[in-house]
Amino acid sequence: MNDQNRRVFLLSQVATGSALLLSAGAAHAQPVMVSEKDPTAVALGYTADSARVNPKRFPNHTSAQKCGSCQLYAGRAGDGFGDCRIFTGKQVPAIGWCSAYVLKS
């Protein structure tokens, strides 16, 4: 094996090992949940539990409106939480709610 082939082989092994370590770490990382104190969340009246929405502030809210049934919710049906397109990189509980709610069609 010449020096150039050896270098390419070693670099590919290092890259593969690094990728495996990074993917293993990402698999065990806890999802980042949206805080009700997040500025965007406050502006949208976000709450982690739809049952706690203030009816005086949001009179059009109904008990059936939950993140899990919203078009902006990117989680899978049946998951307790999932990504929200409003809160990029953060997750919301399926039972949450905000004023950007739009029923999935």
Protein backbone atom coordinates (compact mmCIF):
# COMPACT_ATOMS: atom_id res chain seq x y z
CA MET A 1 0.00 0.00 0.00
CA ASN A 2 1.51 3.34 -0.95
CA ASP A 3 1.48 6.41 1.32
CA GLN A 4 -1.37 8.16 -0.51
CA ASN A 5 -3.67 5.10 -0.32
CA ARG A 6 -2.83 4.66 3.36
CA ARG A 7 -3.67 8.33 4.04
CA VAL A 8 -7.00 8.07 2.22
CA PHE A 9 -7.83 4.87 4.11
CA LEU A 10 -6.99 6.38 7.51
CA LEU A 11 -8.91 9.58 6.79
CA SER A 12 -11.98 7.61 5.73
CA GLN A 13 -11.79 5.54 8.93
CA VAL A 14 -11.55 8.67 11.09
CA ALA A 15 -14.47 10.28 9.27
CA THR A 16 -16.60 7.14 9.64
CA GLY A 17 -15.80 6.86 13.35
CA SER A 18 -16.61 10.53 13.94
CA ALA A 19 -19.92 10.22 12.11
CA LEU A 20 -20.88 7.18 14.20
CA LEU A 21 -20.05 8.98 17.45
CA LEU A 22 -22.05 12.04 16.44
CA SER A 23 -25.08 10.02 15.39
CA ALA A 24 -24.99 7.99 18.61
CA GLY A 25 -24.89 11.19 20.67
CA ALA A 26 -27.78 12.72 18.72
CA ALA A 27 -29.91 9.63 19.27
CA HIS A 28 -29.67 10.08 23.04
CA ALA A 29 -30.13 13.85 23.10
CA GLN A 30 -33.26 15.11 24.80
CA PRO A 31 -35.60 17.14 22.60
CA VAL A 32 -35.66 20.87 23.26
CA MET A 33 -39.15 21.76 24.39
CA VAL A 34 -40.73 25.18 23.86
CA SER A 35 -40.96 27.21 27.04
CA GLU A 36 -44.17 29.08 27.76
CA LYS A 37 -41.88 32.04 28.54
CA ASP A 38 -40.25 32.00 25.08
CA PRO A 39 -40.97 35.42 23.46
CA THR A 40 -42.66 33.84 20.41
CA ALA A 41 -44.68 31.55 22.68
CA VAL A 42 -45.84 34.50 24.79
CA ALA A 43 -46.84 36.46 21.68
CA LEU A 44 -48.91 33.51 20.43
CA GLY A 45 -50.50 32.67 23.78
CA TYR A 46 -48.79 29.25 23.74
CA THR A 47 -49.56 26.87 26.55
CA ALA A 48 -48.24 23.33 27.00
CA ASP A 49 -51.76 22.17 27.92
CA SER A 50 -54.74 23.26 25.84
CA ALA A 51 -57.00 22.89 28.90
CA ARG A 52 -55.26 25.91 30.49
CA VAL A 53 -55.96 28.42 27.69
CA ASN A 54 -57.45 31.66 29.01
CA PRO A 55 -60.97 31.83 27.47
CA LYS A 56 -61.20 35.61 28.02
CA ARG A 57 -58.00 36.22 26.05
CA PHE A 58 -58.77 33.58 23.37
CA PRO A 59 -62.58 33.27 23.10
CA ASN A 60 -62.39 31.26 19.84
CA HIS A 61 -60.34 28.47 21.43
CA THR A 62 -62.13 25.12 21.83
CA SER A 63 -61.09 22.09 23.86
CA ALA A 64 -60.64 20.09 20.63
CA GLN A 65 -57.86 22.42 19.44
CA LYS A 66 -54.51 20.86 20.33
CA CYS A 67 -51.06 20.94 18.73
CA GLY A 68 -51.44 17.29 17.69
CA SER A 69 -54.30 18.21 15.34
CA CYS A 70 -52.70 21.41 13.96
CA GLN A 71 -51.29 21.75 10.43
CA LEU A 72 -48.10 23.25 11.89
CA TYR A 73 -47.42 20.18 14.06
CA ALA A 74 -44.85 17.90 12.47
CA GLY A 75 -44.99 15.07 14.99
CA ARG A 76 -46.44 11.67 14.17
CA ALA A 77 -49.97 10.77 15.24
CA GLY A 78 -49.90 9.18 18.66
CA ASP A 79 -46.61 10.78 19.75
CA GLY A 80 -46.76 12.73 23.00
CA PHE A 81 -44.72 15.57 21.47
CA GLY A 82 -43.31 16.66 18.14
CA ASP A 83 -41.73 19.46 16.12
CA CYS A 84 -43.68 22.63 15.44
CA ARG A 85 -43.03 24.69 12.31
CA ILE A 86 -43.53 27.92 14.31
CA PHE A 87 -40.88 27.03 16.91
CA THR A 88 -38.04 25.89 14.66
CA GLY A 89 -35.81 23.32 16.33
CA LYS A 90 -38.08 22.94 19.33
CA GLN A 91 -40.85 20.55 20.18
CA VAL A 92 -44.31 20.97 21.66
CA PRO A 93 -46.57 18.52 23.46
CA ALA A 94 -49.42 17.13 21.39
CA ILE A 95 -51.86 18.53 23.99
CA GLY A 96 -50.44 22.07 23.72
CA TRP A 97 -52.03 25.03 21.95
CA CYS A 98 -51.22 28.49 20.52
CA SER A 99 -53.19 31.12 18.63
CA ALA A 100 -51.59 30.05 15.32
CA TYR A 101 -53.62 26.82 15.48
CA VAL A 102 -55.03 25.65 12.12
CA LEU A 103 -56.94 22.35 11.92
CA LYS A 104 -55.22 19.68 9.82
CA SER A 105 -57.17 18.93 6.69
